[in-house]
C-alpha atoms as a PDB file:
ATOM      1  CA  MET A   1      -3.620 -39.084 -12.900  1.00  0.00           C
ATOM      2  CA  CYS A   2      -3.925 -35.358 -12.243  1.00  0.00           C
ATOM      3  CA  GLU A   3      -2.080 -33.276 -14.797  1.00  0.00           C
ATOM      4  CA  LEU A   4      -2.398 -29.536 -14.407  1.00  0.00           C
ATOM      5  CA  ALA A   5      -0.936 -27.027 -16.796  1.00  0.00           C
ATOM      6  CA  ILE A   6       0.901 -25.051 -15.074  1.00  0.00           C
ATOM      7  CA  ALA A   7      -2.105 -11.393  -1.776  1.00  0.00           C
ATOM      8  CA  PRO A   8       0.782 -12.471   0.737  1.00  0.00           C
ATOM      9  CA  LEU A   9       3.444  -9.818   0.387  1.00  0.00           C
ATOM     10  CA  SER A  10       6.809 -10.363  -1.239  1.00  0.00           C
ATOM     11  CA  PHE A  11       9.809  -9.860   1.066  1.00  0.00           C
ATOM     12  CA  LYS A  12      10.976  -6.779  -0.859  1.00  0.00           C
ATOM     13  CA  ARG A  13       7.595  -5.126  -0.244  1.00  0.00           C
ATOM     14  CA  TRP A  14       7.178  -6.441   3.308  1.00  0.00           C
ATOM     15  CA  LEU A  15      10.484  -5.141   4.705  1.00  0.00           C
ATOM     16  CA  PRO A  16       9.927  -1.414   3.922  1.00  0.00           C
ATOM     17  CA  TRP A  17       6.335  -1.754   5.141  1.00  0.00           C
ATOM     18  CA  ALA A  18       7.506  -3.269   8.453  1.00  0.00           C
ATOM     19  CA  ARG A  19      10.053  -0.484   8.869  1.00  0.00           C
ATOM     20  CA  ARG A  20       7.397   2.196   8.339  1.00  0.00           C
ATOM     21  CA  GLN A  21       5.091   0.579  10.905  1.00  0.00           C
ATOM     22  CA  ALA A  22       7.911   0.315  13.451  1.00  0.00           C
ATOM     23  CA  ALA A  23       8.860   3.974  12.899  1.00  0.00           C
ATOM     24  CA  ALA A  24       5.251   5.069  13.393  1.00  0.00           C
ATOM     25  CA  TYR A  25       4.972   3.072  16.604  1.00  0.00           C
ATOM     26  CA  LEU A  26       8.218   4.513  18.009  1.00  0.00           C
ATOM     27  CA  ALA A  27       7.186   8.055  17.101  1.00  0.00           C
ATOM     28  CA  LEU A  28       3.911   7.703  18.976  1.00  0.00           C
ATOM     29  CA  ALA A  29       5.655   6.145  21.963  1.00  0.00           C
ATOM     30  CA  ALA A  30       8.176   9.024  22.022  1.00  0.00           C
ATOM     31  CA  ALA A  31       5.329  11.530  21.930  1.00  0.00           C
ATOM     32  CA  GLY A  32       3.998  10.006  25.146  1.00  0.00           C
ATOM     33  CA  ARG A  33       0.579   8.917  23.886  1.00  0.00           C
ATOM     34  CA  ASP A  34      -1.214   7.146  26.728  1.00  0.00           C
ATOM     35  CA  ASP A  35      -4.585   6.332  25.188  1.00  0.00           C
ATOM     36  CA  GLY A  36      -4.003   2.604  24.900  1.00  0.00           C
ATOM     37  CA  TRP A  37      -3.146   2.768  21.208  1.00  0.00           C
ATOM     38  CA  ALA A  38       0.512   1.841  21.699  1.00  0.00           C
ATOM     39  CA  ALA A  39      -0.241  -1.135  23.936  1.00  0.00           C
ATOM     40  CA  ALA A  40      -2.942  -2.441  21.606  1.00  0.00           C
ATOM     41  CA  SER A  41      -0.667  -1.995  18.610  1.00  0.00           C
ATOM     42  CA  LEU A  42       2.155  -3.821  20.342  1.00  0.00           C
ATOM     43  CA  VAL A  43      -0.092  -6.791  21.156  1.00  0.00           C
ATOM     44  CA  SER A  44      -1.352  -6.801  17.586  1.00  0.00           C
ATOM     45  CA  ALA A  45       2.190  -6.616  16.194  1.00  0.00           C
ATOM     46  CA  VAL A  46       3.160  -9.628  18.306  1.00  0.00           C
ATOM     47  CA  ARG A  47       0.170 -11.533  16.927  1.00  0.00           C
ATOM     48  CA  VAL A  48       1.171 -10.673  13.372  1.00  0.00           C
ATOM     49  CA  VAL A  49       4.767 -11.785  13.948  1.00  0.00           C
ATOM     50  CA  VAL A  50       3.562 -15.047  15.511  1.00  0.00           C
ATOM     51  CA  CYS A  51       1.291 -15.544  12.474  1.00  0.00           C
ATOM     52  CA  PHE A  52       4.198 -14.985  10.102  1.00  0.00           C
ATOM     53  CA  VAL A  53       6.462 -17.421  11.960  1.00  0.00           C
ATOM     54  CA  ALA A  54       3.709 -20.039  12.275  1.00  0.00           C
ATOM     55  CA  MET A  55       2.942 -19.793   8.560  1.00  0.00           C
ATOM     56  CA  MET A  56       6.607 -20.195   7.685  1.00  0.00           C
ATOM     57  CA  VAL A  57       6.821 -23.323   9.870  1.00  0.00           C
ATOM     58  CA  THR A  58       3.729 -24.992   8.382  1.00  0.00           C
ATOM     59  CA  THR A  59       4.711 -23.926   4.874  1.00  0.00           C
ATOM     60  CA  ALA A  60       8.192 -25.428   5.222  1.00  0.00           C
ATOM     61  CA  ALA A  61       6.750 -28.644   6.676  1.00  0.00           C
ATOM     62  CA  TRP A  62       4.202 -29.069   3.898  1.00  0.00           C
ATOM     63  CA  ALA A  63       6.784 -28.174   1.249  1.00  0.00           C
ATOM     64  CA  ALA A  64       8.816 -31.162   2.407  1.00  0.00           C
ATOM     65  CA  VAL A  65       5.717 -33.352   2.120  1.00  0.00           C
ATOM     66  CA  MET A  66       5.012 -32.012  -1.376  1.00  0.00           C
ATOM     67  CA  LEU A  67       8.520 -32.860  -2.541  1.00  0.00           C
ATOM     68  CA  LEU A  68       7.997 -36.452  -1.431  1.00  0.00           C
ATOM     69  CA  LEU A  69       4.717 -36.516  -3.364  1.00  0.00           C
ATOM     70  CA  LEU A  70       6.059 -35.140  -6.649  1.00  0.00           C
ATOM     71  CA  PRO A  71       5.033 -38.280  -8.633  1.00  0.00           C
ATOM     72  CA  TRP A  72       1.421 -37.958  -7.372  1.00  0.00           C
ATOM     73  CA  PRO A  73      -0.067 -34.589  -8.397  1.00  0.00           C
ATOM     74  CA  CYS A  74      -3.597 -35.430  -7.201  1.00  0.00           C
ATOM     75  CA  GLU A  75      -2.306 -36.151  -3.716  1.00  0.00           C
ATOM     76  CA  ARG A  76      -0.396 -32.857  -3.769  1.00  0.00           C
ATOM     77  CA  ILE A  77      -3.657 -31.025  -4.428  1.00  0.00           C
ATOM     78  CA  ARG A  78      -5.274 -32.736  -1.445  1.00  0.00           C
ATOM     79  CA  GLN A  79      -2.272 -31.964   0.733  1.00  0.00           C
ATOM     80  CA  GLY A  80      -2.408 -28.344  -0.420  1.00  0.00           C
ATOM     81  CA  ASN A  81      -6.032 -28.157   0.735  1.00  0.00           C
ATOM     82  CA  LEU A  82      -5.109 -29.766   4.064  1.00  0.00           C
ATOM     83  CA  TYR A  83      -2.334 -27.194   4.462  1.00  0.00           C
ATOM     84  CA  GLY A  84      -4.889 -24.443   3.870  1.00  0.00           C
ATOM     85  CA  HIS A  85      -7.393 -25.900   6.341  1.00  0.00           C
ATOM     86  CA  VAL A  86      -4.766 -26.168   9.091  1.00  0.00           C
ATOM     87  CA  THR A  87      -2.777 -23.001   8.402  1.00  0.00           C
ATOM     88  CA  GLY A  88      -5.710 -20.743   7.556  1.00  0.00           C
ATOM     89  CA  ARG A  89      -7.639 -21.682  10.688  1.00  0.00           C
ATOM     90  CA  MET A  90      -4.513 -21.478  12.858  1.00  0.00           C
ATOM     91  CA  LEU A  91      -3.670 -17.958  11.652  1.00  0.00           C
ATOM     92  CA  LEU A  92      -7.221 -16.759  12.227  1.00  0.00           C
ATOM     93  CA  TRP A  93      -7.152 -18.246  15.743  1.00  0.00           C
ATOM     94  CA  ILE A  94      -3.865 -16.478  16.523  1.00  0.00           C
ATOM     95  CA  LEU A  95      -5.247 -13.132  15.371  1.00  0.00           C
ATOM     96  CA  GLY A  96      -8.320 -13.658  17.547  1.00  0.00           C
ATOM     97  CA  ASN A  97     -11.150 -12.242  15.424  1.00  0.00           C
ATOM     98  CA  PRO A  98     -14.633 -13.675  16.148  1.00  0.00           C
ATOM     99  CA  ILE A  99     -15.871 -15.423  12.993  1.00  0.00           C
ATOM    100  CA  LYS A 100     -19.427 -16.268  11.974  1.00  0.00           C
ATOM    101  CA  VAL A 101     -19.905 -18.557   8.965  1.00  0.00           C
ATOM    102  CA  GLU A 102     -23.287 -19.067   7.293  1.00  0.00           C
ATOM    103  CA  GLY A 103     -24.201 -21.456   4.491  1.00  0.00           C
ATOM    104  CA  LEU A 104     -21.424 -24.041   4.800  1.00  0.00           C
ATOM    105  CA  GLU A 105     -23.694 -26.590   3.136  1.00  0.00           C
ATOM    106  CA  HIS A 106     -23.233 -24.744  -0.174  1.00  0.00           C
ATOM    107  CA  LEU A 107     -19.588 -25.874  -0.247  1.00  0.00           C
ATOM    108  CA  ASP A 108     -20.527 -29.563  -0.389  1.00  0.00           C
ATOM    109  CA  ASN A 109     -20.513 -29.849  -4.193  1.00  0.00           C
ATOM    110  CA  LYS A 110     -18.005 -28.996  -6.904  1.00  0.00           C
ATOM    111  CA  GLY A 111     -18.119 -25.432  -8.120  1.00  0.00           C
ATOM    112  CA  ILE A 112     -16.363 -22.173  -8.866  1.00  0.00           C
ATOM    113  CA  PHE A 113     -16.066 -20.474  -5.484  1.00  0.00           C
ATOM    114  CA  ILE A 114     -15.612 -16.707  -5.655  1.00  0.00           C
ATOM    115  CA  CYS A 115     -14.931 -14.257  -2.821  1.00  0.00           C
ATOM    116  CA  ASN A 116     -14.652 -10.481  -2.451  1.00  0.00           C
ATOM    117  CA  HIS A 117     -11.191  -9.310  -1.392  1.00  0.00           C
ATOM    118  CA  ALA A 118     -10.397  -6.392   0.929  1.00  0.00           C
ATOM    119  CA  SER A 119      -7.744  -7.701   3.353  1.00  0.00           C
ATOM    120  CA  PRO A 120      -5.068 -10.379   3.820  1.00  0.00           C
ATOM    121  CA  LEU A 121      -7.565 -12.020   6.171  1.00  0.00           C
ATOM    122  CA  ASP A 122      -9.677 -12.990   3.148  1.00  0.00           C
ATOM    123  CA  ILE A 123      -6.831 -15.238   2.001  1.00  0.00           C
ATOM    124  CA  PHE A 124      -6.715 -16.995   5.377  1.00  0.00           C
ATOM    125  CA  LEU A 125     -10.492 -17.470   5.261  1.00  0.00           C
ATOM    126  CA  VAL A 126     -10.575 -19.066   1.810  1.00  0.00           C
ATOM    127  CA  MET A 127      -7.575 -21.257   2.683  1.00  0.00           C
ATOM    128  CA  TRP A 128      -9.540 -22.549   5.652  1.00  0.00           C
ATOM    129  CA  LEU A 129     -12.919 -22.969   3.938  1.00  0.00           C
ATOM    130  CA  ALA A 130     -11.963 -24.244   0.470  1.00  0.00           C
ATOM    131  CA  PRO A 131     -13.175 -27.862   0.139  1.00  0.00           C
ATOM    132  CA  THR A 132     -10.728 -30.663  -0.573  1.00  0.00           C
ATOM    133  CA  GLY A 133     -10.250 -30.983  -4.323  1.00  0.00           C
ATOM    134  CA  THR A 134     -10.165 -27.214  -4.880  1.00  0.00           C
ATOM    135  CA  VAL A 135      -7.404 -25.347  -6.689  1.00  0.00           C
ATOM    136  CA  GLY A 136      -6.732 -21.633  -6.612  1.00  0.00           C
ATOM    137  CA  ILE A 137      -5.827 -19.306  -9.447  1.00  0.00           C
ATOM    138  CA  ALA A 138      -3.117 -16.683  -9.095  1.00  0.00           C
ATOM    139  CA  LYS A 139      -0.938 -14.538 -11.320  1.00  0.00           C
ATOM    140  CA  LYS A 140       2.068 -16.419 -12.674  1.00  0.00           C
ATOM    141  CA  GLU A 141       4.499 -14.214 -10.714  1.00  0.00           C
ATOM    142  CA  ILE A 142       3.383 -15.812  -7.436  1.00  0.00           C
ATOM    143  CA  ILE A 143       6.203 -18.332  -7.823  1.00  0.00           C
ATOM    144  CA  TRP A 144       8.655 -15.594  -6.760  1.00  0.00           C
ATOM    145  CA  TYR A 145       7.004 -15.068  -3.355  1.00  0.00           C
ATOM    146  CA  PRO A 146       9.415 -16.605  -0.816  1.00  0.00           C
ATOM    147  CA  LEU A 147       8.421 -20.135   0.262  1.00  0.00           C
ATOM    148  CA  PHE A 148       4.658 -19.544  -0.109  1.00  0.00           C
ATOM    149  CA  GLY A 149       4.939 -19.204  -3.883  1.00  0.00           C
ATOM    150  CA  GLN A 150       6.961 -22.380  -4.227  1.00  0.00           C
ATOM    151  CA  LEU A 151       4.456 -24.295  -2.084  1.00  0.00           C
ATOM    152  CA  TYR A 152       1.635 -22.897  -4.220  1.00  0.00           C
ATOM    153  CA  VAL A 153       3.208 -24.427  -7.315  1.00  0.00           C
ATOM    154  CA  LEU A 154       4.092 -27.698  -5.566  1.00  0.00           C
ATOM    155  CA  ALA A 155       0.450 -27.999  -4.460  1.00  0.00           C
ATOM    156  CA  ASN A 156      -0.503 -28.031  -8.156  1.00  0.00           C
ATOM    157  CA  HIS A 157      -2.498 -24.826  -7.946  1.00  0.00           C
ATOM    158  CA  LEU A 158      -2.929 -22.859 -11.139  1.00  0.00           C
ATOM    159  CA  ARG A 159      -1.299 -19.729 -12.506  1.00  0.00           C
ATOM    160  CA  ILE A 160      -2.464 -17.457 -15.291  1.00  0.00           C
ATOM    161  CA  ASP A 161      -0.774 -14.904 -17.501  1.00  0.00           C
ATOM    162  CA  ARG A 162      -2.358 -11.502 -16.861  1.00  0.00           C
ATOM    163  CA  SER A 163       0.058  -9.565 -19.083  1.00  0.00           C
ATOM    164  CA  ASN A 164      -2.746  -8.773 -21.545  1.00  0.00           C
ATOM    165  CA  PRO A 165      -6.466  -9.584 -21.821  1.00  0.00           C
ATOM    166  CA  ALA A 166      -6.064 -12.063 -24.678  1.00  0.00           C
ATOM    167  CA  ALA A 167      -3.379 -13.996 -22.802  1.00  0.00           C
ATOM    168  CA  ALA A 168      -5.495 -13.984 -19.640  1.00  0.00           C
ATOM    169  CA  ILE A 169      -8.509 -15.437 -21.485  1.00  0.00           C
ATOM    170  CA  GLU A 170      -6.373 -18.161 -23.062  1.00  0.00           C
ATOM    171  CA  SER A 171      -4.830 -18.950 -19.670  1.00  0.00           C
ATOM    172  CA  MET A 172      -8.295 -19.232 -18.151  1.00  0.00           C
ATOM    173  CA  LYS A 173      -9.343 -21.665 -20.884  1.00  0.00           C
ATOM    174  CA  GLU A 174      -6.311 -23.816 -20.075  1.00  0.00           C
ATOM    175  CA  VAL A 175      -7.274 -23.694 -16.401  1.00  0.00           C
ATOM    176  CA  ALA A 176     -10.826 -24.766 -17.250  1.00  0.00           C
ATOM    177  CA  ARG A 177      -9.609 -27.728 -19.295  1.00  0.00           C
ATOM    178  CA  ALA A 178      -7.418 -28.870 -16.387  1.00  0.00           C
ATOM    179  CA  VAL A 179     -10.311 -28.514 -13.932  1.00  0.00           C
ATOM    180  CA  VAL A 180     -12.683 -30.569 -16.081  1.00  0.00           C
ATOM    181  CA  LYS A 181     -10.076 -33.252 -16.782  1.00  0.00           C
ATOM    182  CA  ASN A 182      -9.282 -33.736 -13.093  1.00  0.00           C
ATOM    183  CA  ASN A 183     -12.769 -33.178 -11.601  1.00  0.00           C
ATOM    184  CA  LEU A 184     -11.712 -30.217  -9.474  1.00  0.00           C
ATOM    185  CA  SER A 185     -13.247 -27.035  -8.090  1.00  0.00           C
ATOM    186  CA  LEU A 186     -11.869 -23.518  -8.428  1.00  0.00           C
ATOM    187  CA  ILE A 187     -11.571 -20.668  -5.958  1.00  0.00           C
ATOM    188  CA  LEU A 188     -10.678 -17.101  -6.936  1.00  0.00           C
ATOM    189  CA  PHE A 189     -11.179 -13.409  -6.204  1.00  0.00           C
ATOM    190  CA  PRO A 190     -13.290 -12.008  -9.072  1.00  0.00           C
ATOM    191  CA  GLU A 191     -12.197  -8.405  -8.457  1.00  0.00           C
ATOM    192  CA  GLY A 192      -8.681  -9.401  -9.510  1.00  0.00           C
ATOM    193  CA  THR A 193      -7.039  -7.296  -6.793  1.00  0.00           C
ATOM    194  CA  ARG A 194      -7.588  -6.177  -3.209  1.00  0.00           C
ATOM    195  CA  SER A 195      -9.911  -3.279  -2.466  1.00  0.00           C
ATOM    196  CA  ARG A 196      -8.057  -0.553  -0.571  1.00  0.00           C
ATOM    197  CA  ASN A 197     -11.115   0.782   1.257  1.00  0.00           C
ATOM    198  CA  GLY A 198     -13.258  -2.336   1.546  1.00  0.00           C
ATOM    199  CA  ARG A 199     -15.764  -1.262  -1.095  1.00  0.00           C
ATOM    200  CA  LEU A 200     -16.588  -3.796  -3.793  1.00  0.00           C
ATOM    201  CA  LEU A 201     -14.599  -3.306  -6.997  1.00  0.00           C
ATOM    202  CA  PRO A 202     -15.712  -4.148 -10.553  1.00  0.00           C
ATOM    203  CA  PHE A 203     -15.473  -7.867 -11.360  1.00  0.00           C
ATOM    204  CA  LYS A 204     -13.151  -9.288 -13.990  1.00  0.00           C
ATOM    205  CA  LYS A 205     -14.658 -11.724 -16.486  1.00  0.00           C
ATOM    206  CA  GLY A 206     -12.364 -14.656 -15.735  1.00  0.00           C
ATOM    207  CA  PHE A 207     -14.760 -16.522 -13.465  1.00  0.00           C
ATOM    208  CA  VAL A 208     -17.464 -16.403 -16.142  1.00  0.00           C
ATOM    209  CA  HIS A 209     -15.063 -17.683 -18.804  1.00  0.00           C
ATOM    210  CA  ALA A 210     -14.205 -20.542 -16.429  1.00  0.00           C
ATOM    211  CA  ALA A 211     -17.906 -21.270 -15.886  1.00  0.00           C
ATOM    212  CA  LEU A 212     -18.582 -21.334 -19.633  1.00  0.00           C
ATOM    213  CA  GLN A 213     -15.772 -23.834 -20.158  1.00  0.00           C
ATOM    214  CA  THR A 214     -16.410 -26.084 -17.139  1.00  0.00           C
ATOM    215  CA  LYS A 215     -20.207 -25.773 -16.723  1.00  0.00           C
ATOM    216  CA  LEU A 216     -19.586 -25.721 -12.969  1.00  0.00           C
ATOM    217  CA  PRO A 217     -21.992 -23.719 -10.786  1.00  0.00           C
ATOM    218  CA  ILE A 218     -20.765 -20.467  -9.243  1.00  0.00           C
ATOM    219  CA  VAL A 219     -20.813 -20.226  -5.455  1.00  0.00           C
ATOM    220  CA  PRO A 220     -20.506 -16.639  -4.128  1.00  0.00           C
ATOM    221  CA  ILE A 221     -18.733 -16.191  -0.777  1.00  0.00           C
ATOM    222  CA  VAL A 222     -19.476 -12.788   0.781  1.00  0.00           C
ATOM    223  CA  VAL A 223     -16.973 -11.664   3.421  1.00  0.00           C
ATOM    224  CA  THR A 224     -17.572  -8.636   5.635  1.00  0.00           C
ATOM    225  CA  GLY A 225     -15.452  -6.930   8.281  1.00  0.00           C
ATOM    226  CA  THR A 226     -11.974  -7.964   7.141  1.00  0.00           C
ATOM    227  CA  HIS A 227     -11.142  -4.493   5.800  1.00  0.00           C
ATOM    228  CA  LEU A 228     -11.769  -3.075   9.286  1.00  0.00           C
ATOM    229  CA  ALA A 229      -9.902  -5.857  11.074  1.00  0.00           C
ATOM    230  CA  TRP A 230      -6.707  -5.541   9.038  1.00  0.00           C
ATOM    231  CA  ARG A 231      -6.593  -2.219   7.252  1.00  0.00           C
ATOM    232  CA  ASN A 232      -4.478  -1.528   4.214  1.00  0.00           C
ATOM    233  CA  SER A 233      -0.789  -0.831   5.021  1.00  0.00           C
ATOM    234  CA  SER A 234      -1.355  -1.312   8.766  1.00  0.00           C
ATOM    235  CA  VAL A 235       0.437  -3.640  11.172  1.00  0.00           C
ATOM    236  CA  ARG A 236      -2.453  -3.596  13.640  1.00  0.00           C
ATOM    237  CA  VAL A 237      -5.133  -6.285  13.469  1.00  0.00           C
ATOM    238  CA  ARG A 238      -8.234  -5.160  15.335  1.00  0.00           C
ATOM    239  CA  PRO A 239     -10.615  -7.632  17.072  1.00  0.00           C
ATOM    240  CA  VAL A 240     -13.441  -6.844  14.636  1.00  0.00           C
ATOM    241  CA  PRO A 241     -16.045  -9.603  14.126  1.00  0.00           C
ATOM    242  CA  LEU A 242     -15.855 -11.233  10.699  1.00  0.00           C
ATOM    243  CA  THR A 243     -18.795 -12.669   8.794  1.00  0.00           C
ATOM    244  CA  VAL A 244     -18.639 -15.185   5.958  1.00  0.00           C
ATOM    245  CA  LYS A 245     -21.903 -15.762   4.097  1.00  0.00           C
ATOM    246  CA  ILE A 246     -21.874 -18.520   1.486  1.00  0.00           C
ATOM    247  CA  LEU A 247     -24.743 -18.022  -0.952  1.00  0.00           C
ATOM    248  CA  PRO A 248     -26.573 -20.799  -2.832  1.00  0.00           C
ATOM    249  CA  SER A 249     -24.887 -21.965  -6.009  1.00  0.00           C
ATOM    250  CA  ILE A 250     -25.776 -20.381  -9.339  1.00  0.00           C
ATOM    251  CA  SER A 251     -26.305 -22.843 -12.167  1.00  0.00           C
ATOM    252  CA  THR A 252     -24.369 -22.009 -15.341  1.00  0.00           C
ATOM    253  CA  ASP A 253     -26.133 -24.526 -17.583  1.00  0.00           C
ATOM    254  CA  GLY A 254     -27.249 -22.749 -20.708  1.00  0.00           C
ATOM    255  CA  TRP A 255     -24.971 -19.747 -20.248  1.00  0.00           C
ATOM    256  CA  GLU A 256     -23.898 -18.176 -23.538  1.00  0.00           C
ATOM    257  CA  GLU A 257     -20.640 -16.430 -24.383  1.00  0.00           C
ATOM    258  CA  GLU A 258     -22.479 -13.485 -25.932  1.00  0.00           C
ATOM    259  CA  ARG A 259     -23.948 -12.590 -22.516  1.00  0.00           C
ATOM    260  CA  ILE A 260     -20.726 -12.583 -20.455  1.00  0.00           C
ATOM    261  CA  ASN A 261     -21.118  -8.963 -19.297  1.00  0.00           C
ATOM    262  CA  GLU A 262     -24.669  -9.659 -18.170  1.00  0.00           C
ATOM    263  CA  TYR A 263     -23.577 -12.646 -16.072  1.00  0.00           C
ATOM    264  CA  VAL A 264     -20.738 -10.665 -14.486  1.00  0.00           C
ATOM    265  CA  GLU A 265     -23.094  -7.902 -13.368  1.00  0.00           C
ATOM    266  CA  MET A 266     -25.748 -10.370 -12.227  1.00  0.00           C
ATOM    267  CA  VAL A 267     -23.305 -12.131  -9.888  1.00  0.00           C
ATOM    268  CA  ARG A 268     -21.817  -8.834  -8.685  1.00  0.00           C
ATOM    269  CA  SER A 269     -25.314  -7.564  -7.836  1.00  0.00           C
ATOM    270  CA  LEU A 270     -25.637 -10.435  -5.332  1.00  0.00           C
ATOM    271  CA  TYR A 271     -22.610  -9.075  -3.499  1.00  0.00           C
ATOM    272  CA  ILE A 272     -24.032  -5.558  -3.520  1.00  0.00           C
ATOM    273  CA  ASP A 273     -27.258  -6.890  -2.005  1.00  0.00           C
ATOM    274  CA  ASN A 274     -25.460  -8.813   0.751  1.00  0.00           C
ATOM    275  CA  LEU A 275     -22.691  -6.385   1.723  1.00  0.00           C
ATOM    276  CA  PRO A 276     -23.186  -3.651   4.354  1.00  0.00           C
ATOM    277  CA  ASP A 277     -23.321  -0.040   3.170  1.00  0.00           C
ATOM    278  CA  SER A 278     -19.694   0.485   4.215  1.00  0.00           C
ATOM    279  CA  GLN A 279     -18.618  -2.078   1.613  1.00  0.00           C
ATOM    280  CA  LYS A 280     -21.085  -1.393  -1.168  1.00  0.00           C
ATOM    281  CA  PRO A 281     -19.697   0.485  -4.186  1.00  0.00           C
ATOM    282  CA  LEU A 282     -20.550   4.182  -4.078  1.00  0.00           C
ATOM    283  CA  HIS A 283     -22.606   4.025  -7.266  1.00  0.00           C
ATOM    284  CA  ALA A 284     -24.961   1.509  -5.595  1.00  0.00           C
ATOM    285  CA  LEU A 285     -25.567   3.894  -2.698  1.00  0.00           C
ATOM    286  CA  ALA A 286     -26.145   6.753  -5.117  1.00  0.00           C
ATOM    287  CA  ASP A 287     -28.605   4.680  -7.141  1.00  0.00           C
ATOM    288  CA  ARG A 288     -30.537   3.781  -3.982  1.00  0.00           C
ATOM    289  CA  LYS A 289     -30.846   7.448  -2.986  1.00  0.00           C
ATOM    290  CA  SER A 290     -32.057   8.408  -6.443  1.00  0.00           C
ATOM    291  CA  ASP A 291     -34.826   5.839  -6.165  1.00  0.00           C
END
């Protein structure tokens, strides 16, 4: 029996954001701009609204299913993955971005799947691609996100306490014990937050702590283009092609706790090698020029 110890926007943040976008659109329309921006933004806004409504419908439907499955936590995990496969792919289809996925075969085995994070689209992508039997990790406050947060908990996904580093490490150890006990995989964003400009941020150590505890291989998922498709604080989703490159798994057998920082930088360097210049961290570009 599965026993688990237990970045959509909250409504309070979403409402002011929506108002600002609407005000910007109306101001441009009043100014008489006729360069196609207003029409494209209106179409995009409709797509976003349809996405939001569609997600609310599927979330409510699966929440009802989860309530019926309360006595069976393993089945709730599987249903949570099915929800992600259906909803994630549906939302991406509604938004209309061309998507190229490479290396799907690397998702066939259990592992710790990690992904860079620069846009809400990254969340839709990992929802769609995460194999059945995979649980996510989020901050404990996710439960307060309307409907989505409650479904997250019902689906038996995991939450950690990020209030201080010591608490976060202990939470990650609890997560690892649950993963090993129930033969699960993990998926998380190693940067710990969303990049505002698309450039790769420093990695947190949580995924390495999880690897040390579970001995699961790490599978890097490199996503490009999402920061251009859905820019920070924008209501417009542009038809930019998206690429998902799933790299071969990295064995963690023999990893030692004393070398955590080394492992973090080693995995991050794979992202730097596989990201375009527009998403590489500035220090990597500077280092290349100096060479």
